[in-house]
Amino acid sequence: MKRREQERLTEDRRASVKLGSWMSLVAVVLVMIPSVFRLITEPLRWGDAAMVTAGTALAAFHIVRLARLKRMPQARRREGTGAS
């Protein structure tokens, strides 16, 4: 593993990643809704099928990311080690 992958995330960094994942997951779902609706109500179009497939893959990625982040160990915040 790379050193960066082995480092533990601080609370602030973890919250930032968590918020970004949730926001991306909501955006993916909102973008997918019209394509899912068209797939249900209209004849099959390859563009809508591709959008739903890509959206499902992105949603799965963000769900796995959130699950792994929850299980990852946390580092303690260093006191007085940086410029404000």
N, C-alpha and C. Protein backbone atom coordinates (compact mmCIF):
# COMPACT_ATOMS: atom_id res chain seq x y z
N MET A 1 0.84 -1.19 0.00
CA MET A 1 0.00 0.00 0.00
C MET A 1 0.88 1.25 0.00
N LYS A 2 0.38 2.27 -0.59
CA LYS A 2 1.09 3.54 -0.59
C LYS A 2 0.96 4.19 0.78
N ARG A 3 1.93 5.03 1.09
CA ARG A 3 1.91 5.70 2.39
C ARG A 3 0.65 6.53 2.56
N ARG A 4 0.22 7.17 1.50
CA ARG A 4 -0.97 8.02 1.59
C ARG A 4 -2.21 7.20 1.95
N GLU A 5 -2.28 5.99 1.42
CA GLU A 5 -3.42 5.13 1.72
C GLU A 5 -3.37 4.60 3.15
N GLN A 6 -2.17 4.51 3.70
CA GLN A 6 -2.02 3.99 5.05
C GLN A 6 -2.30 5.03 6.12
N GLU A 7 -2.19 6.31 5.76
CA GLU A 7 -2.41 7.36 6.74
C GLU A 7 -3.87 7.38 7.18
N ARG A 8 -4.05 7.69 8.42
CA ARG A 8 -5.40 7.79 8.96
C ARG A 8 -5.94 9.18 8.70
N LEU A 9 -7.25 9.27 8.49
CA LEU A 9 -7.87 10.56 8.24
C LEU A 9 -8.22 11.26 9.54
N THR A 10 -8.01 12.56 9.57
CA THR A 10 -8.44 13.33 10.73
C THR A 10 -9.95 13.51 10.67
N GLU A 11 -10.53 13.98 11.76
CA GLU A 11 -11.98 14.18 11.81
C GLU A 11 -12.45 15.17 10.76
N ASP A 12 -11.71 16.27 10.59
CA ASP A 12 -12.11 17.28 9.61
C ASP A 12 -12.06 16.73 8.19
N ARG A 13 -11.01 16.00 7.87
CA ARG A 13 -10.86 15.43 6.53
C ARG A 13 -11.94 14.39 6.29
N ARG A 14 -12.23 13.58 7.29
CA ARG A 14 -13.26 12.56 7.17
C ARG A 14 -14.63 13.20 6.92
N ALA A 15 -14.93 14.28 7.64
CA ALA A 15 -16.21 14.97 7.45
C ALA A 15 -16.30 15.56 6.05
N SER A 16 -15.20 16.07 5.55
CA SER A 16 -15.18 16.66 4.21
C SER A 16 -15.43 15.59 3.14
N VAL A 17 -14.78 14.45 3.26
CA VAL A 17 -14.96 13.37 2.30
C VAL A 17 -16.39 12.81 2.39
N LYS A 18 -16.88 12.69 3.61
CA LYS A 18 -18.23 12.17 3.82
C LYS A 18 -19.28 13.09 3.20
N LEU A 19 -19.14 14.39 3.42
CA LEU A 19 -20.07 15.35 2.84
C LEU A 19 -20.01 15.32 1.32
N GLY A 20 -18.81 15.26 0.76
CA GLY A 20 -18.66 15.20 -0.69
C GLY A 20 -19.29 13.95 -1.29
N SER A 21 -19.15 12.83 -0.61
CA SER A 21 -19.75 11.59 -1.10
C SER A 21 -21.27 11.65 -1.06
N TRP A 22 -21.82 12.19 0.02
CA TRP A 22 -23.28 12.32 0.11
C TRP A 22 -23.82 13.27 -0.96
N MET A 23 -23.12 14.39 -1.18
CA MET A 23 -23.57 15.35 -2.19
C MET A 23 -23.50 14.74 -3.59
N SER A 24 -22.45 14.00 -3.87
CA SER A 24 -22.33 13.34 -5.17
C SER A 24 -23.40 12.27 -5.36
N LEU A 25 -23.69 11.54 -4.30
CA LEU A 25 -24.72 10.51 -4.38
C LEU A 25 -26.08 11.12 -4.67
N VAL A 26 -26.41 12.22 -4.02
CA VAL A 26 -27.68 12.91 -4.28
C VAL A 26 -27.72 13.44 -5.70
N ALA A 27 -26.62 14.00 -6.19
CA ALA A 27 -26.58 14.52 -7.56
C ALA A 27 -26.77 13.40 -8.58
N VAL A 28 -26.14 12.26 -8.35
CA VAL A 28 -26.29 11.12 -9.26
C VAL A 28 -27.74 10.67 -9.33
N VAL A 29 -28.37 10.57 -8.19
CA VAL A 29 -29.78 10.13 -8.16
C VAL A 29 -30.67 11.15 -8.87
N LEU A 30 -30.45 12.43 -8.62
CA LEU A 30 -31.28 13.45 -9.26
C LEU A 30 -31.09 13.47 -10.78
N VAL A 31 -29.90 13.22 -11.24
CA VAL A 31 -29.65 13.19 -12.69
C VAL A 31 -30.24 11.93 -13.31
N MET A 32 -30.26 10.83 -12.57
CA MET A 32 -30.78 9.57 -13.10
C MET A 32 -32.31 9.51 -13.16
N ILE A 33 -33.00 10.26 -12.33
CA ILE A 33 -34.46 10.16 -12.24
C ILE A 33 -35.16 10.33 -13.59
N PRO A 34 -34.85 11.35 -14.38
CA PRO A 34 -35.54 11.48 -15.68
C PRO A 34 -35.29 10.29 -16.62
N SER A 35 -34.08 9.76 -16.62
CA SER A 35 -33.78 8.61 -17.48
C SER A 35 -34.54 7.37 -17.03
N VAL A 36 -34.63 7.17 -15.74
CA VAL A 36 -35.39 6.02 -15.22
C VAL A 36 -36.86 6.18 -15.58
N PHE A 37 -37.40 7.37 -15.44
CA PHE A 37 -38.79 7.62 -15.78
C PHE A 37 -39.05 7.35 -17.27
N ARG A 38 -38.14 7.83 -18.14
CA ARG A 38 -38.31 7.59 -19.58
C ARG A 38 -38.19 6.11 -19.92
N LEU A 39 -37.31 5.39 -19.23
CA LEU A 39 -37.18 3.95 -19.48
C LEU A 39 -38.46 3.20 -19.12
N ILE A 40 -39.14 3.67 -18.08
CA ILE A 40 -40.36 3.01 -17.63
C ILE A 40 -41.54 3.34 -18.54
N THR A 41 -41.64 4.59 -18.96
CA THR A 41 -42.84 5.04 -19.67
C THR A 41 -42.72 5.04 -21.19
N GLU A 42 -41.52 5.06 -21.74
CA GLU A 42 -41.34 5.15 -23.19
C GLU A 42 -40.59 3.92 -23.70
N PRO A 43 -40.56 3.77 -25.03
CA PRO A 43 -39.75 2.67 -25.59
C PRO A 43 -38.27 2.84 -25.24
N LEU A 44 -37.56 1.74 -25.24
CA LEU A 44 -36.15 1.71 -24.85
C LEU A 44 -35.30 2.57 -25.78
N ARG A 45 -34.49 3.44 -25.17
CA ARG A 45 -33.50 4.23 -25.92
C ARG A 45 -32.14 4.00 -25.30
N TRP A 46 -31.12 3.86 -26.13
CA TRP A 46 -29.80 3.50 -25.62
C TRP A 46 -29.21 4.60 -24.73
N GLY A 47 -29.51 5.86 -25.00
CA GLY A 47 -28.99 6.95 -24.19
C GLY A 47 -29.48 6.88 -22.75
N ASP A 48 -30.77 6.60 -22.59
CA ASP A 48 -31.31 6.48 -21.24
C ASP A 48 -30.76 5.25 -20.52
N ALA A 49 -30.61 4.15 -21.25
CA ALA A 49 -30.05 2.94 -20.65
C ALA A 49 -28.61 3.18 -20.22
N ALA A 50 -27.84 3.89 -21.04
CA ALA A 50 -26.45 4.20 -20.68
C ALA A 50 -26.40 5.11 -19.46
N MET A 51 -27.29 6.09 -19.39
CA MET A 51 -27.31 7.01 -18.25
C MET A 51 -27.66 6.28 -16.95
N VAL A 52 -28.61 5.37 -17.01
CA VAL A 52 -28.99 4.60 -15.82
C VAL A 52 -27.85 3.67 -15.41
N THR A 53 -27.20 3.06 -16.38
CA THR A 53 -26.07 2.16 -16.07
C THR A 53 -24.92 2.94 -15.42
N ALA A 54 -24.56 4.07 -16.00
CA ALA A 54 -23.48 4.89 -15.45
C ALA A 54 -23.87 5.43 -14.07
N GLY A 55 -25.10 5.86 -13.92
CA GLY A 55 -25.56 6.38 -12.63
C GLY A 55 -25.55 5.32 -11.55
N THR A 56 -25.94 4.12 -11.91
CA THR A 56 -25.94 3.02 -10.95
C THR A 56 -24.51 2.70 -10.50
N ALA A 57 -23.58 2.72 -11.45
CA ALA A 57 -22.18 2.46 -11.11
C ALA A 57 -21.63 3.56 -10.19
N LEU A 58 -21.94 4.82 -10.49
CA LEU A 58 -21.47 5.92 -9.64
C LEU A 58 -22.10 5.86 -8.25
N ALA A 59 -23.38 5.53 -8.19
CA ALA A 59 -24.05 5.43 -6.89
C ALA A 59 -23.41 4.30 -6.06
N ALA A 60 -23.12 3.18 -6.70
CA ALA A 60 -22.49 2.07 -5.99
C ALA A 60 -21.10 2.47 -5.48
N PHE A 61 -20.36 3.21 -6.30
CA PHE A 61 -19.03 3.69 -5.90
C PHE A 61 -19.12 4.55 -4.64
N HIS A 62 -20.06 5.48 -4.62
CA HIS A 62 -20.17 6.38 -3.47
C HIS A 62 -20.69 5.67 -2.23
N ILE A 63 -21.55 4.70 -2.39
CA ILE A 63 -22.03 3.93 -1.24
C ILE A 63 -20.90 3.11 -0.63
N VAL A 64 -20.09 2.48 -1.48
CA VAL A 64 -18.94 1.72 -0.99
C VAL A 64 -17.94 2.65 -0.32
N ARG A 65 -17.74 3.83 -0.89
CA ARG A 65 -16.82 4.81 -0.31
C ARG A 65 -17.26 5.22 1.09
N LEU A 66 -18.56 5.47 1.24
CA LEU A 66 -19.09 5.84 2.56
C LEU A 66 -18.96 4.69 3.55
N ALA A 67 -19.20 3.47 3.11
CA ALA A 67 -19.10 2.31 4.00
C ALA A 67 -17.66 2.09 4.45
N ARG A 68 -16.71 2.24 3.54
CA ARG A 68 -15.30 2.06 3.90
C ARG A 68 -14.81 3.18 4.80
N LEU A 69 -15.31 4.38 4.57
CA LEU A 69 -14.91 5.52 5.40
C LEU A 69 -15.37 5.32 6.84
N LYS A 70 -16.52 4.72 6.99
CA LYS A 70 -17.06 4.49 8.34
C LYS A 70 -16.19 3.50 9.12
N ARG A 71 -15.62 2.51 8.42
CA ARG A 71 -14.81 1.49 9.09
C ARG A 71 -13.35 1.88 9.25
N MET A 72 -12.90 2.94 8.56
CA MET A 72 -11.50 3.35 8.58
C MET A 72 -11.13 3.95 9.95
N PRO A 73 -9.94 3.61 10.45
CA PRO A 73 -9.53 4.19 11.74
C PRO A 73 -9.32 5.69 11.63
N GLN A 74 -9.45 6.36 12.74
CA GLN A 74 -9.35 7.81 12.78
C GLN A 74 -8.05 8.25 13.44
N ALA A 75 -7.48 9.30 12.91
CA ALA A 75 -6.27 9.87 13.52
C ALA A 75 -6.67 11.01 14.44
N ARG A 76 -5.83 11.26 15.40
CA ARG A 76 -6.08 12.39 16.29
C ARG A 76 -5.59 13.66 15.63
N ARG A 77 -6.28 14.73 15.91
CA ARG A 77 -5.88 16.03 15.37
C ARG A 77 -4.63 16.50 16.09
N ARG A 78 -3.67 16.99 15.32
CA ARG A 78 -2.43 17.51 15.92
C ARG A 78 -2.66 18.92 16.40
N GLU A 79 -2.23 19.20 17.59
CA GLU A 79 -2.42 20.52 18.18
C GLU A 79 -1.20 21.38 17.91
N GLY A 80 -1.43 22.59 17.39
CA GLY A 80 -0.38 23.57 17.22
C GLY A 80 0.67 23.22 16.19
N THR A 81 0.29 22.49 15.12
CA THR A 81 1.30 22.09 14.13
C THR A 81 1.14 22.82 12.80
N GLY A 82 0.23 23.77 12.71
CA GLY A 82 0.05 24.40 11.42
C GLY A 82 -0.29 25.86 11.55
N ALA A 83 -0.14 26.54 10.43
CA ALA A 83 -0.52 27.95 10.40
C ALA A 83 -2.03 28.05 10.28
N SER A 84 -2.60 29.03 10.91
CA SER A 84 -4.04 29.18 10.90
C SER A 84 -4.52 29.52 9.59
